[in-house]
Amino acid sequence: MLGPIVIAILAMLFVGALGFALVPSALGGGRAEQRRKAFQGDVRANRMALDADRNRDQRRKDLQRTLKQQTDALHSKKRVTLPQMLFQAGMTIKPGAFIRNSIIFGGAVTLLLVVVQVPIYLAPVFGVAAGYLLPRMWVSRKRKKYQDKFLDELPNAVEAIVRGVKTGLPLNDSIRVVAKDAKEPVKSEFGRVLDQQAFGMSMTEAVNVLLDRVPLPEVNFFVVVITVQQQAGGNLSEALGNLAKVLRNRKKMKQKIKAMSSEAKASAGIIGSLPFVVAILVSITSPTYLAPLFTTTLGHIWLGIGTVMLAAGVFIMNRMVKFDY
């Protein structure tokens, strides 16, 4: 039978062990509590990481969807009407005035051909062709030059917006700086965006007007970045900074393609001009050698066939040296 002293010692050990087991847990310092808090911290961190990944994926999907919509809309505008062509060339002339001037030009060409004794049934044909094609070719060339000047300055404008956003300026104020200090035609086009906002349009709607004016893939990229940022948020300065790098790389690629295709373009120009050069030299040395082409019916037929074949050859060579990038 155990003595009282042994029982007391065992009771003290039992109470001490029980206190050692329960008191740290009650005070919140036990291993179980630490493991529980660590587990909760890991769950919270994992949840935050999952939310961040989900938001990033959602923004990526929004960007892809918006880019697809804008690209489809841009491709649907491949066929440009006369009012759109004049608008995109930066010209203020009305379509009616342009058509009137084209008719006057065609009539003048017809009259000139009659004066130089071109057959009366061919002069109107050449006059109509000249009145319809030459003014449109001139506007198309002017439109292309306008777009090239815009693309040359666009990376600088985007980088200026990035600097403004990084310094804390709102997007509108950064665009206002570009509209004030950039070169033409970027200066006028970004000023137009601000004017559209002054009339009550949102930023998304205003930059889409910029795409209507300059329908180019590079401008489409800029519009998509602004549209997605306005709708889903995100780091605008980082997105525009990446866009500026993309624009400069595309510009370098275009210049490289232009340099590589310059030899082919020179060859096409020389081959296309050979019939006219040969005809002039033959006419100088033998003035009557080519006269049957202009004085006989058979000569008119062969002259028309030669003109059609020359036009087809020029068209084919032009497509051969024209690259899409």
Protein backbone atom coordinates (compact mmCIF):
# COMPACT_ATOMS: atom_id res chain seq x y z
CA MET A 1 0.00 0.00 0.00
CA LEU A 2 1.41 3.38 -1.11
CA GLY A 3 2.26 5.87 1.51
CA PRO A 4 0.86 9.40 1.68
CA ILE A 5 4.14 10.88 0.57
CA VAL A 6 4.25 8.81 -2.62
CA ILE A 7 0.63 9.67 -3.38
CA ALA A 8 1.34 13.37 -2.88
CA ILE A 9 4.38 13.19 -5.18
CA LEU A 10 2.36 11.43 -7.88
CA ALA A 11 -0.44 13.99 -7.56
CA MET A 12 2.06 16.85 -7.92
CA LEU A 13 3.57 15.23 -11.02
CA PHE A 14 0.09 14.74 -12.50
CA VAL A 15 -0.87 18.38 -11.89
CA GLY A 16 2.45 19.61 -13.27
CA ALA A 17 2.13 17.52 -16.43
CA LEU A 18 -1.46 18.67 -16.89
CA GLY A 19 -0.43 22.30 -16.49
CA PHE A 20 2.47 21.88 -18.87
CA ALA A 21 0.09 20.45 -21.48
CA LEU A 22 -2.80 22.88 -21.11
CA VAL A 23 -1.40 26.24 -20.04
CA PRO A 24 0.72 26.93 -23.22
CA SER A 25 -2.29 26.06 -25.36
CA ALA A 26 -4.46 28.42 -23.37
CA LEU A 27 -1.86 31.16 -23.73
CA GLY A 28 -1.66 30.63 -27.49
CA GLY A 29 1.96 29.57 -27.60
CA GLY A 30 1.60 25.86 -28.27
CA ARG A 31 2.90 24.06 -31.30
CA ALA A 32 -0.60 23.14 -32.38
CA GLU A 33 -1.62 26.79 -32.37
CA GLN A 34 1.50 27.77 -34.25
CA ARG A 35 0.85 25.10 -36.84
CA ARG A 36 -2.76 26.22 -37.11
CA LYS A 37 -1.73 29.86 -37.67
CA ALA A 38 0.93 28.85 -40.16
CA PHE A 39 -1.64 26.77 -42.01
CA GLN A 40 -4.08 29.67 -42.04
CA GLY A 41 -1.33 31.98 -43.31
CA ASP A 42 -0.49 29.54 -46.07
CA VAL A 43 -4.17 29.27 -47.03
CA ARG A 44 -4.55 33.06 -47.09
CA ALA A 45 -1.41 33.49 -49.17
CA ASN A 46 -2.53 30.77 -51.54
CA ARG A 47 -5.94 32.38 -51.85
CA MET A 48 -4.36 35.77 -52.62
CA ALA A 49 -2.07 34.17 -55.19
CA LEU A 50 -5.03 32.39 -56.80
CA ASP A 51 -7.01 35.64 -56.89
CA ALA A 52 -4.06 37.44 -58.48
CA ASP A 53 -3.66 34.68 -61.08
CA ARG A 54 -7.39 34.73 -61.76
CA ASN A 55 -7.37 38.52 -62.21
CA ARG A 56 -4.34 38.28 -64.47
CA ASP A 57 -5.99 35.60 -66.58
CA GLN A 58 -9.17 37.64 -66.77
CA ARG A 59 -7.28 40.74 -67.91
CA ARG A 60 -5.43 38.63 -70.49
CA LYS A 61 -8.73 37.25 -71.79
CA ASP A 62 -10.22 40.76 -71.89
CA LEU A 63 -7.19 41.98 -73.80
CA GLN A 64 -7.36 39.10 -76.28
CA ARG A 65 -11.11 39.56 -76.80
CA THR A 66 -10.78 43.31 -77.29
CA LEU A 67 -7.82 42.87 -79.64
CA LYS A 68 -9.77 40.32 -81.70
CA GLN A 69 -12.78 42.62 -81.92
CA GLN A 70 -10.65 45.59 -82.94
CA THR A 71 -8.69 43.53 -85.45
CA ASP A 72 -11.86 42.15 -87.02
CA ALA A 73 -13.28 45.66 -87.24
CA LEU A 74 -10.03 46.87 -88.82
CA HIS A 75 -10.07 44.07 -91.40
CA SER A 76 -13.71 44.78 -92.22
CA LYS A 77 -12.66 48.30 -93.23
CA LYS A 78 -10.26 47.15 -95.96
CA ARG A 79 -12.44 48.70 -98.66
CA VAL A 80 -12.22 52.43 -98.13
CA THR A 81 -14.88 54.72 -99.52
CA LEU A 82 -14.08 58.11 -101.02
CA PRO A 83 -15.18 60.14 -97.93
CA GLN A 84 -13.11 57.85 -95.69
CA MET A 85 -10.11 58.15 -98.01
CA LEU A 86 -10.26 61.94 -97.92
CA PHE A 87 -10.74 61.91 -94.14
CA GLN A 88 -7.81 59.54 -93.57
CA ALA A 89 -5.57 61.57 -95.88
CA GLY A 90 -6.00 64.61 -93.63
CA MET A 91 -7.78 66.57 -96.36
CA THR A 92 -10.63 68.98 -95.70
CA ILE A 93 -12.10 68.94 -99.23
CA LYS A 94 -15.67 67.65 -99.51
CA PRO A 95 -16.37 64.51 -101.59
CA GLY A 96 -18.65 66.50 -103.92
CA ALA A 97 -15.93 69.06 -104.61
CA PHE A 98 -13.40 66.27 -105.18
CA ILE A 99 -15.69 64.56 -107.72
CA ARG A 100 -16.30 67.87 -109.48
CA ASN A 101 -12.56 68.54 -109.74
CA SER A 102 -11.99 65.01 -111.02
CA ILE A 103 -14.58 65.51 -113.77
CA ILE A 104 -12.97 68.82 -114.76
CA PHE A 105 -9.56 67.13 -114.85
CA GLY A 106 -10.88 64.27 -116.99
CA GLY A 107 -12.48 66.75 -119.40
CA ALA A 108 -9.22 68.68 -119.66
CA VAL A 109 -7.30 65.49 -120.43
CA THR A 110 -9.85 64.53 -123.09
CA LEU A 111 -9.58 67.96 -124.69
CA LEU A 112 -5.79 67.79 -124.64
CA LEU A 113 -5.81 64.37 -126.32
CA VAL A 114 -8.15 65.66 -129.05
CA VAL A 115 -5.83 68.61 -129.62
CA VAL A 116 -2.83 66.30 -130.07
CA GLN A 117 -4.90 64.32 -132.62
CA VAL A 118 -5.62 61.18 -130.62
CA PRO A 119 -8.55 59.33 -132.28
CA ILE A 120 -11.88 60.79 -131.22
CA TYR A 121 -13.18 57.46 -129.93
CA LEU A 122 -10.08 56.87 -127.75
CA ALA A 123 -9.75 60.35 -126.25
CA PRO A 124 -12.88 60.07 -124.03
CA VAL A 125 -11.78 56.63 -122.82
CA PHE A 126 -8.38 57.91 -121.73
CA GLY A 127 -9.98 61.06 -120.32
CA VAL A 128 -12.44 59.10 -118.16
CA ALA A 129 -9.68 56.77 -116.97
CA ALA A 130 -7.44 59.71 -116.10
CA GLY A 131 -10.25 61.60 -114.35
CA TYR A 132 -11.15 58.59 -112.24
CA LEU A 133 -7.79 56.95 -111.50
CA LEU A 134 -5.22 59.75 -111.24
CA PRO A 135 -6.99 61.83 -108.53
CA ARG A 136 -7.65 58.70 -106.47
CA MET A 137 -4.05 57.61 -106.83
CA TRP A 138 -2.95 61.06 -105.66
CA VAL A 139 -5.25 60.87 -102.60
CA SER A 140 -4.06 57.32 -101.83
CA ARG A 141 -0.46 58.46 -101.95
CA LYS A 142 -1.25 61.41 -99.71
CA ARG A 143 -3.05 59.10 -97.30
CA LYS A 144 -0.06 56.74 -97.20
CA LYS A 145 2.33 59.62 -96.48
CA TYR A 146 0.02 60.85 -93.73
CA GLN A 147 0.00 57.43 -92.08
CA ASP A 148 3.78 57.07 -92.38
CA LYS A 149 4.35 60.43 -90.70
CA PHE A 150 1.94 59.43 -87.94
CA LEU A 151 3.75 56.12 -87.32
CA ASP A 152 7.14 57.85 -87.20
CA GLU A 153 6.00 60.02 -84.28
CA LEU A 154 3.66 57.59 -82.49
CA PRO A 155 6.37 55.77 -80.40
CA ASN A 156 7.59 59.14 -79.08
CA ALA A 157 4.03 60.10 -78.19
CA VAL A 158 3.42 56.81 -76.35
CA GLU A 159 6.66 57.20 -74.41
CA ALA A 160 5.66 60.75 -73.46
CA ILE A 161 2.36 59.40 -72.12
CA VAL A 162 4.28 56.74 -70.15
CA ARG A 163 6.50 59.39 -68.56
CA GLY A 164 3.47 61.48 -67.65
CA VAL A 165 1.63 58.53 -66.08
CA LYS A 166 4.73 57.50 -64.09
CA THR A 167 5.03 61.01 -62.64
CA GLY A 168 1.44 60.84 -61.43
CA LEU A 169 -0.39 62.74 -64.15
CA PRO A 170 -3.83 61.48 -65.19
CA LEU A 171 -4.13 59.95 -68.63
CA ASN A 172 -6.00 62.98 -69.99
CA ASP A 173 -3.27 65.37 -68.88
CA SER A 174 -0.58 63.12 -70.37
CA ILE A 175 -2.42 63.09 -73.70
CA ARG A 176 -2.78 66.87 -73.46
CA VAL A 177 1.02 67.15 -73.19
CA VAL A 178 1.36 65.09 -76.39
CA ALA A 179 -1.27 67.21 -78.14
CA LYS A 180 0.74 70.30 -77.21
CA ASP A 181 4.34 69.27 -77.83
CA ALA A 182 4.33 66.41 -80.37
CA LYS A 183 4.94 66.77 -84.09
CA GLU A 184 2.24 66.74 -86.73
CA PRO A 185 0.11 64.81 -87.47
CA VAL A 186 0.20 63.14 -84.02
CA LYS A 187 -0.32 66.53 -82.41
CA SER A 188 -3.57 67.17 -84.27
CA GLU A 189 -4.91 63.64 -83.87
CA PHE A 190 -4.40 63.53 -80.09
CA GLY A 191 -5.90 67.01 -79.91
CA ARG A 192 -8.90 65.54 -81.71
CA VAL A 193 -9.15 62.86 -79.00
CA LEU A 194 -9.30 65.57 -76.33
CA ASP A 195 -11.92 67.46 -78.33
CA GLN A 196 -14.07 64.33 -78.51
CA GLN A 197 -13.85 64.00 -74.74
CA ALA A 198 -14.84 67.64 -74.35
CA PHE A 199 -18.00 66.82 -76.31
CA GLY A 200 -18.93 64.13 -73.77
CA MET A 201 -17.31 60.97 -75.14
CA SER A 202 -15.50 58.57 -72.86
CA MET A 203 -11.81 57.85 -73.32
CA THR A 204 -12.64 54.49 -74.96
CA GLU A 205 -14.92 56.13 -77.53
CA ALA A 206 -12.48 58.99 -78.16
CA VAL A 207 -9.51 56.74 -78.98
CA ASN A 208 -11.70 54.73 -81.35
CA VAL A 209 -12.14 57.96 -83.34
CA LEU A 210 -8.35 57.97 -83.62
CA LEU A 211 -8.52 54.47 -85.13
CA ASP A 212 -11.12 55.66 -87.66
CA ARG A 213 -8.74 58.43 -88.71
CA VAL A 214 -5.59 56.28 -88.88
CA PRO A 215 -6.66 52.63 -89.40
CA LEU A 216 -3.33 50.93 -88.77
CA PRO A 217 -2.38 47.89 -86.65
CA GLU A 218 -0.06 50.01 -84.48
CA VAL A 219 -2.86 52.43 -83.67
CA ASN A 220 -5.11 49.43 -83.03
CA PHE A 221 -2.63 48.20 -80.39
CA PHE A 222 -2.72 51.59 -78.68
CA VAL A 223 -6.52 51.67 -78.71
CA VAL A 224 -6.73 48.14 -77.27
CA VAL A 225 -4.35 48.99 -74.41
CA ILE A 226 -6.30 52.11 -73.49
CA THR A 227 -9.66 50.32 -73.82
CA VAL A 228 -8.66 47.36 -71.64
CA GLN A 229 -7.12 49.64 -69.01
CA GLN A 230 -10.27 51.73 -68.85
CA GLN A 231 -12.48 48.64 -68.52
CA ALA A 232 -10.42 46.26 -66.37
CA GLY A 233 -7.71 48.42 -64.81
CA GLY A 234 -4.06 47.47 -64.59
CA ASN A 235 -0.64 49.06 -64.79
CA LEU A 236 -1.05 51.52 -67.65
CA SER A 237 2.54 52.77 -67.65
CA GLU A 238 3.92 49.22 -67.96
CA ALA A 239 1.47 48.32 -70.73
CA LEU A 240 2.22 51.48 -72.71
CA GLY A 241 5.95 51.03 -72.14
CA ASN A 242 5.78 47.56 -73.67
CA LEU A 243 3.70 48.98 -76.51
CA ALA A 244 6.34 51.63 -77.21
CA LYS A 245 8.98 48.88 -77.51
CA VAL A 246 6.73 46.92 -79.87
CA LEU A 247 6.16 50.00 -82.03
CA ARG A 248 9.87 50.73 -82.31
CA ASN A 249 10.63 47.09 -83.19
CA ARG A 250 7.95 47.14 -85.89
CA LYS A 251 9.42 50.37 -87.24
CA LYS A 252 12.86 48.77 -87.44
CA MET A 253 11.40 45.75 -89.20
CA LYS A 254 9.64 47.98 -91.77
CA GLN A 255 12.86 49.85 -92.48
CA LYS A 256 14.72 46.56 -92.90
CA ILE A 257 12.07 45.24 -95.31
CA LYS A 258 12.19 48.52 -97.23
CA ALA A 259 15.95 48.28 -97.58
CA MET A 260 15.81 44.63 -98.69
CA SER A 261 13.10 45.33 -101.28
CA SER A 262 14.64 48.51 -102.70
CA GLU A 263 16.55 46.57 -105.40
CA ALA A 264 13.37 44.83 -106.57
CA LYS A 265 11.51 48.16 -106.65
CA ALA A 266 14.27 49.76 -108.70
CA SER A 267 14.19 46.85 -111.15
CA ALA A 268 10.40 47.11 -111.44
CA GLY A 269 10.67 50.84 -112.13
CA ILE A 270 13.27 50.34 -114.83
CA ILE A 271 11.31 47.55 -116.53
CA GLY A 272 8.07 49.54 -116.37
CA SER A 273 9.66 52.61 -117.93
CA LEU A 274 11.43 50.76 -120.76
CA PRO A 275 8.48 50.84 -123.25
CA PHE A 276 8.15 54.61 -122.91
CA VAL A 277 11.91 55.21 -123.13
CA VAL A 278 12.22 52.97 -126.21
CA ALA A 279 9.21 54.64 -127.87
CA ILE A 280 10.68 58.13 -127.29
CA LEU A 281 14.13 57.15 -128.60
CA VAL A 282 12.67 55.42 -131.67
CA SER A 283 10.47 58.44 -132.38
CA ILE A 284 13.51 60.72 -132.19
CA THR A 285 15.64 58.62 -134.51
CA SER A 286 12.81 57.49 -136.87
CA PRO A 287 9.77 59.78 -136.50
CA THR A 288 7.60 57.77 -138.89
CA TYR A 289 8.39 54.30 -137.52
CA LEU A 290 5.64 54.28 -134.86
CA ALA A 291 3.18 56.40 -136.82
CA PRO A 292 0.99 53.41 -137.87
CA LEU A 293 0.15 52.81 -134.24
CA PHE A 294 -1.64 56.18 -134.15
CA THR A 295 -2.91 56.48 -137.73
CA THR A 296 -4.35 53.04 -138.55
CA THR A 297 -7.16 50.99 -137.02
CA LEU A 298 -4.92 47.94 -136.61
CA GLY A 299 -2.33 50.14 -134.92
CA HIS A 300 -4.97 51.43 -132.49
CA ILE A 301 -5.93 47.87 -131.62
CA TRP A 302 -2.33 46.85 -130.95
CA LEU A 303 -1.71 50.05 -129.03
CA GLY A 304 -4.69 49.24 -126.79
CA ILE A 305 -3.50 45.67 -126.32
CA GLY A 306 -0.02 46.90 -125.43
CA THR A 307 -1.42 49.41 -122.95
CA VAL A 308 -3.49 46.72 -121.22
CA MET A 309 -0.53 44.33 -121.07
CA LEU A 310 1.74 47.08 -119.74
CA ALA A 311 -0.82 47.99 -117.04
CA ALA A 312 -1.13 44.31 -116.07
CA GLY A 313 2.64 43.97 -115.85
CA VAL A 314 2.98 47.10 -113.73
CA PHE A 315 0.25 45.85 -111.42
CA ILE A 316 1.92 42.44 -111.03
CA MET A 317 5.34 43.98 -110.35
CA ASN A 318 3.79 46.35 -107.82
CA ARG A 319 2.24 43.42 -105.95
CA MET A 320 5.51 41.52 -106.06
CA VAL A 321 7.46 44.28 -104.34
CA LYS A 322 4.71 45.15 -101.86
CA PHE A 323 4.94 43.45 -98.48
CA ASP A 324 2.42 43.24 -95.65
CA TYR A 325 3.95 43.53 -92.18
